[in-house]
């Protein structure tokens, strides 16, 4: 191979290290660079890209696609993500929070109250939990899951060996759904109310890239594109933007079942789901943890 060929290959490799994926060459450039020698095959330089069968081929200038087999695959990205400015993850989430505060599609809905409740926790967490909407206590403190259901969630996390500060907690709907004579009453968000806020949750997922997502309740699951009852969805992983997602009962469901005397069954079901989450995350699981809520 000629010295010109060696220089060309070195140039391509340098461009790849710099992050380049395409290099366009004008017709005849290869021949001039190589002194009329046959151009080196692309397979001699880098593996050739896969083409979709039947995909149209452009008649414009030829391209060389550079790809390293050692590079991780690009994560699957959801449609409708919000572009935010910032050089760090924290800056981007702060910018996203500011956008949510003044988000007109949600603000213009008379069915949603005006206090925005964003999210809480570690933006670099491996575990992200998604609920449905803030309630009275959450609206007051502007933090998700701080009422009775939040206390139950904190207890579940503690049983897993985790603190709230080690996970990331968000809601499908960023505003508390309104009701007549509301007081401390709450209701689940309607599809259009969730749709208005969904870009924020999907963008949070895209920025944080947790290893596992837990959808707390059917409303959260439906908002993430996993429709169905919790009973039919729980116990196995689904996918949200390519991330394993476990659907389980909302902590408020456990609270209701405890009042009817069926709390152990509900807690056992949630704990079985959380054990699978722990296994997926690679968290240590003791025999005591495995034995929680087992039938005697």
Protein backbone atom coordinates (compact mmCIF):
# COMPACT_ATOMS: atom_id res chain seq x y z
CA UNK A 1 0.00 0.00 0.00
CA UNK A 2 1.36 3.47 -0.89
CA UNK A 3 2.36 6.17 1.56
CA UNK A 4 -0.70 8.16 0.45
CA UNK A 5 -2.91 5.24 1.41
CA UNK A 6 -1.27 5.06 4.82
CA UNK A 7 -1.85 8.78 5.33
CA UNK A 8 -5.48 8.43 4.32
CA UNK A 9 -6.07 5.61 6.77
CA UNK A 10 -4.37 7.55 9.57
CA UNK A 11 -6.56 10.55 8.78
CA UNK A 12 -9.72 8.46 8.95
CA UNK A 13 -8.70 6.92 12.24
CA UNK A 14 -7.95 10.34 13.75
CA UNK A 15 -11.33 11.65 12.63
CA UNK A 16 -13.01 8.65 14.26
CA UNK A 17 -11.26 9.33 17.58
CA UNK A 18 -12.53 12.91 17.34
CA UNK A 19 -16.10 11.62 17.09
CA UNK A 20 -16.63 11.88 13.31
CA UNK A 21 -19.04 9.37 11.78
CA UNK A 22 -19.10 10.58 8.14
CA UNK A 23 -16.47 11.95 5.76
CA UNK A 24 -17.65 13.13 2.37
CA UNK A 25 -15.21 13.03 -0.56
CA UNK A 26 -15.65 14.69 -3.92
CA UNK A 27 -15.51 12.49 -7.03
CA UNK A 28 -11.92 11.84 -8.05
CA UNK A 29 -10.44 12.75 -4.66
CA UNK A 30 -9.51 9.17 -3.87
CA UNK A 31 -7.69 8.74 -7.18
CA UNK A 32 -5.76 11.97 -6.69
CA UNK A 33 -4.80 11.08 -3.13
CA UNK A 34 -3.67 7.62 -4.14
CA UNK A 35 -1.82 8.63 -7.29
CA UNK A 36 -4.25 6.73 -9.54
CA UNK A 37 -3.77 3.55 -7.54
CA UNK A 38 -6.92 1.56 -6.74
CA UNK A 39 -8.57 2.95 -3.62
CA UNK A 40 -8.30 0.79 -0.51
CA UNK A 41 -11.48 -1.10 0.24
CA UNK A 42 -13.55 0.36 3.06
CA UNK A 43 -13.43 -3.02 4.79
CA UNK A 44 -9.62 -2.62 4.94
CA UNK A 45 -10.09 0.58 6.93
CA UNK A 46 -13.28 0.09 8.98
CA UNK A 47 -16.20 -2.36 8.95
CA UNK A 48 -18.73 -1.38 6.31
CA UNK A 49 -22.05 -0.02 7.59
CA UNK A 50 -25.16 -2.13 7.34
CA UNK A 51 -27.74 -0.86 4.90
CA UNK A 52 -31.43 -1.48 5.03
CA UNK A 53 -32.55 -3.70 2.20
CA UNK A 54 -34.17 -1.66 -0.49
CA UNK A 55 -33.02 1.66 1.02
CA UNK A 56 -32.38 4.33 -1.62
CA UNK A 57 -28.74 5.15 -2.27
CA UNK A 58 -27.86 8.79 -2.82
CA UNK A 59 -26.24 9.65 -6.12
CA UNK A 60 -24.36 12.56 -4.51
CA UNK A 61 -20.77 12.54 -3.30
CA UNK A 62 -19.63 9.20 -1.82
CA UNK A 63 -19.35 8.88 1.95
CA UNK A 64 -17.19 6.82 4.29
CA UNK A 65 -18.98 5.86 7.52
CA UNK A 66 -16.68 5.29 10.46
CA UNK A 67 -17.88 2.92 13.17
CA UNK A 68 -16.06 1.13 15.93
CA UNK A 69 -17.43 -2.23 17.01
CA UNK A 70 -16.43 -1.33 20.56
CA UNK A 71 -18.77 1.67 20.78
CA UNK A 72 -21.97 1.09 22.79
CA UNK A 73 -25.21 1.24 20.77
CA UNK A 74 -27.06 4.53 20.77
CA UNK A 75 -29.89 4.50 23.35
CA UNK A 76 -33.41 4.48 21.99
CA UNK A 77 -34.74 8.03 22.28
CA UNK A 78 -38.37 8.95 22.70
CA UNK A 79 -40.11 11.37 20.36
CA UNK A 80 -41.04 14.84 21.59
CA UNK A 81 -38.07 15.39 23.90
CA UNK A 82 -37.42 18.91 25.14
CA UNK A 83 -34.07 20.43 24.21
CA UNK A 84 -32.45 22.16 27.19
CA UNK A 85 -29.29 24.21 27.61
CA UNK A 86 -26.55 23.36 30.08
CA UNK A 87 -23.08 21.89 30.26
CA UNK A 88 -23.82 19.52 33.16
CA UNK A 89 -26.68 17.17 33.98
CA UNK A 90 -27.67 19.33 36.94
CA UNK A 91 -27.80 22.46 34.77
CA UNK A 92 -29.94 20.70 32.17
CA UNK A 93 -32.41 19.45 34.79
CA UNK A 94 -32.57 22.93 36.34
CA UNK A 95 -33.36 24.36 32.90
CA UNK A 96 -36.01 21.66 32.41
CA UNK A 97 -37.57 22.51 35.77
CA UNK A 98 -37.73 26.19 34.80
CA UNK A 99 -39.49 25.30 31.55
CA UNK A 100 -42.00 23.11 33.43
CA UNK A 101 -42.78 26.00 35.77
CA UNK A 102 -44.12 28.08 32.88
CA UNK A 103 -45.28 25.28 30.58
CA UNK A 104 -48.26 26.75 28.72
CA UNK A 105 -49.89 23.45 27.59
CA UNK A 106 -50.33 22.53 31.27
CA UNK A 107 -50.81 26.06 32.63
CA UNK A 108 -53.69 26.67 30.23
CA UNK A 109 -55.63 23.65 31.48
CA UNK A 110 -58.35 24.70 33.91
CA UNK A 111 -58.42 21.13 35.20
CA UNK A 112 -54.90 21.41 36.66
CA UNK A 113 -53.87 23.51 39.63
CA UNK A 114 -51.10 26.07 39.34
CA UNK A 115 -48.34 24.77 41.65
CA UNK A 116 -45.74 22.81 39.71
CA UNK A 117 -44.11 19.83 41.46
CA UNK A 118 -41.08 18.63 39.52
CA UNK A 119 -38.93 15.80 40.91
CA UNK A 120 -36.52 14.89 43.69
CA UNK A 121 -33.46 12.72 44.17
CA UNK A 122 -30.12 11.87 42.63
CA UNK A 123 -29.92 12.73 38.90
CA UNK A 124 -27.27 10.04 38.50
CA UNK A 125 -29.35 7.35 40.18
CA UNK A 126 -29.62 3.86 38.71
CA UNK A 127 -33.25 3.62 39.81
CA UNK A 128 -36.01 6.03 38.76
CA UNK A 129 -39.54 5.81 40.17
CA UNK A 130 -42.49 7.42 38.38
CA UNK A 131 -45.85 8.12 40.03
CA UNK A 132 -49.01 9.68 38.66
CA UNK A 133 -49.46 13.25 40.03
CA UNK A 134 -48.82 15.33 43.15
CA UNK A 135 -51.40 15.36 45.93
CA UNK A 136 -52.16 17.88 48.64
CA UNK A 137 -48.98 17.29 50.67
CA UNK A 138 -46.81 17.19 47.55
CA UNK A 139 -48.31 20.46 46.34
CA UNK A 140 -47.66 22.07 49.71
CA UNK A 141 -43.99 21.00 49.89
CA UNK A 142 -43.43 20.98 46.10
CA UNK A 143 -41.85 17.53 46.29
CA UNK A 144 -43.26 14.23 45.00
CA UNK A 145 -44.23 11.42 47.40
CA UNK A 146 -44.12 13.20 50.75
CA UNK A 147 -47.63 12.35 52.00
CA UNK A 148 -48.77 9.00 53.45
CA UNK A 149 -48.08 7.21 50.15
CA UNK A 150 -44.65 8.81 50.10
CA UNK A 151 -43.92 7.51 53.59
CA UNK A 152 -44.88 4.04 52.42
CA UNK A 153 -42.57 4.39 49.40
CA UNK A 154 -39.72 5.48 51.67
CA UNK A 155 -40.28 2.33 53.76
CA UNK A 156 -40.16 0.16 50.63
CA UNK A 157 -36.89 1.78 49.56
CA UNK A 158 -35.45 1.29 53.04
CA UNK A 159 -36.34 -2.42 52.88
CA UNK A 160 -34.37 -2.52 49.61
CA UNK A 161 -31.38 -0.96 51.38
CA UNK A 162 -31.85 2.41 49.67
CA UNK A 163 -32.44 5.97 50.82
CA UNK A 164 -34.67 8.44 48.97
CA UNK A 165 -31.56 10.48 48.21
CA UNK A 166 -30.13 7.53 46.24
CA UNK A 167 -32.99 7.29 43.74
CA UNK A 168 -34.79 9.72 41.42
CA UNK A 169 -38.54 10.23 41.91
CA UNK A 170 -40.85 11.95 39.45
CA UNK A 171 -44.49 12.02 38.33
CA UNK A 172 -46.22 11.65 34.99
CA UNK A 173 -48.19 14.85 35.69
CA UNK A 174 -46.34 17.82 37.18
CA UNK A 175 -49.44 19.58 38.51
CA UNK A 176 -52.10 18.45 40.97
CA UNK A 177 -55.40 17.66 39.20
CA UNK A 178 -58.16 20.01 40.33
CA UNK A 179 -61.52 19.01 41.82
CA UNK A 180 -64.62 20.83 43.02
CA UNK A 181 -64.54 21.47 46.76
CA UNK A 182 -61.10 19.93 46.69
CA UNK A 183 -59.71 20.38 50.16
CA UNK A 184 -57.24 17.50 50.62
CA UNK A 185 -58.95 15.37 47.99
CA UNK A 186 -56.98 14.03 45.06
CA UNK A 187 -57.77 12.36 41.76
CA UNK A 188 -55.69 10.68 39.09
CA UNK A 189 -54.80 12.78 36.05
CA UNK A 190 -56.77 12.43 32.82
CA UNK A 191 -54.99 11.33 29.60
CA UNK A 192 -54.85 14.89 28.23
CA UNK A 193 -53.40 16.18 31.50
CA UNK A 194 -50.68 13.53 31.41
CA UNK A 195 -50.02 14.23 27.74
CA UNK A 196 -49.39 17.91 28.51
CA UNK A 197 -46.60 17.00 30.97
CA UNK A 198 -45.26 13.82 29.37
CA UNK A 199 -42.42 15.55 27.42
CA UNK A 200 -40.84 16.51 30.75
CA UNK A 201 -40.85 12.97 32.16
CA UNK A 202 -39.48 11.53 28.91
CA UNK A 203 -36.77 14.18 28.84
CA UNK A 204 -35.87 13.40 32.47
CA UNK A 205 -35.51 9.74 31.50
CA UNK A 206 -33.39 10.68 28.49
CA UNK A 207 -31.08 12.85 30.61
CA UNK A 208 -30.76 10.53 33.61
CA UNK A 209 -30.64 7.20 31.73
CA UNK A 210 -31.40 5.06 34.81
CA UNK A 211 -30.75 1.34 34.68
CA UNK A 212 -34.31 0.56 35.80
CA UNK A 213 -37.60 2.46 35.97
CA UNK A 214 -40.44 1.55 38.33
CA UNK A 215 -43.91 2.72 37.30
CA UNK A 216 -46.01 3.08 40.44
CA UNK A 217 -49.57 2.27 39.47
CA UNK A 218 -51.51 1.81 36.26
CA UNK A 219 -51.77 5.55 35.58
CA UNK A 220 -47.98 5.98 35.58
CA UNK A 221 -47.57 2.87 33.44
CA UNK A 222 -50.16 4.08 30.94
CA UNK A 223 -48.45 7.47 30.76
CA UNK A 224 -45.18 5.70 29.91
CA UNK A 225 -46.89 3.82 27.09
CA UNK A 226 -47.55 0.56 28.99
CA UNK A 227 -51.37 0.23 29.12
CA UNK A 228 -53.20 -2.36 31.18
CA UNK A 229 -54.03 -3.22 34.76
CA UNK A 230 -51.25 -3.53 37.31
CA UNK A 231 -52.28 -7.13 37.94
CA UNK A 232 -51.68 -8.01 34.28
CA UNK A 233 -48.46 -6.00 33.95
CA UNK A 234 -46.55 -6.59 37.17
CA UNK A 235 -43.96 -9.30 37.75
CA UNK A 236 -42.03 -8.79 34.52
CA UNK A 237 -40.05 -6.04 32.82
CA UNK A 238 -41.42 -3.85 30.07
CA UNK A 239 -39.52 -1.13 28.21
CA UNK A 240 -39.52 2.67 28.30
CA UNK A 241 -37.14 4.28 25.81
CA UNK A 242 -35.17 1.04 25.88
CA UNK A 243 -34.92 1.00 29.71
CA UNK A 244 -36.27 -2.00 31.68
CA UNK A 245 -39.46 -0.89 33.43
CA UNK A 246 -41.24 -2.70 36.24
CA UNK A 247 -44.92 -1.91 36.83
CA UNK A 248 -46.10 -2.40 40.39
CA UNK A 249 -48.86 -1.21 42.71
CA UNK A 250 -48.88 2.42 43.85
CA UNK A 251 -48.10 2.82 47.59
CA UNK A 252 -51.60 4.30 48.06
CA UNK A 253 -53.01 0.94 46.94
CA UNK A 254 -51.14 -0.74 49.79
CA UNK A 255 -52.58 1.80 52.23
CA UNK A 256 -56.12 1.09 51.02
CA UNK A 257 -55.62 -2.66 51.21
CA UNK A 258 -54.26 -2.39 54.75
CA UNK A 259 -57.55 -0.78 55.79
CA UNK A 260 -59.48 -3.76 54.40
CA UNK A 261 -57.24 -6.31 56.10
CA UNK A 262 -55.58 -7.44 52.86
CA UNK A 263 -52.39 -5.42 53.24
CA UNK A 264 -50.03 -8.41 53.44
CA UNK A 265 -51.11 -9.66 50.00
CA UNK A 266 -50.54 -6.21 48.46
CA UNK A 267 -47.17 -5.73 50.17
CA UNK A 268 -46.05 -9.22 49.15
CA UNK A 269 -46.87 -8.47 45.49
CA UNK A 270 -44.97 -5.17 45.52
CA UNK A 271 -42.01 -6.76 47.29
CA UNK A 272 -41.81 -9.56 44.71
CA UNK A 273 -41.58 -6.88 42.02
CA UNK A 274 -38.93 -4.96 43.96
CA UNK A 275 -36.82 -8.09 44.40
CA UNK A 276 -36.72 -8.39 40.61
CA UNK A 277 -35.71 -4.73 40.42
CA UNK A 278 -32.92 -5.34 42.93
CA UNK A 279 -31.69 -8.31 40.92
CA UNK A 280 -31.71 -6.24 37.72
CA UNK A 281 -29.72 -3.49 39.46
CA UNK A 282 -27.26 -5.98 40.92
CA UNK A 283 -28.09 -5.01 44.51
CA UNK A 284 -27.26 -7.53 47.27
CA UNK A 285 -30.27 -9.47 48.53
CA UNK A 286 -30.16 -11.21 51.90
CA UNK A 287 -32.15 -14.28 52.88
CA UNK A 288 -34.08 -12.06 55.27
CA UNK A 289 -35.06 -9.77 52.40
CA UNK A 290 -36.12 -12.71 50.27
CA UNK A 291 -38.26 -13.94 53.12
CA UNK A 292 -40.26 -10.74 53.59
CA UNK A 293 -44.04 -11.34 53.39
CA UNK A 294 -43.68 -15.02 52.49
CA UNK A 295 -46.77 -17.06 53.28
CA UNK A 296 -46.43 -18.89 56.59
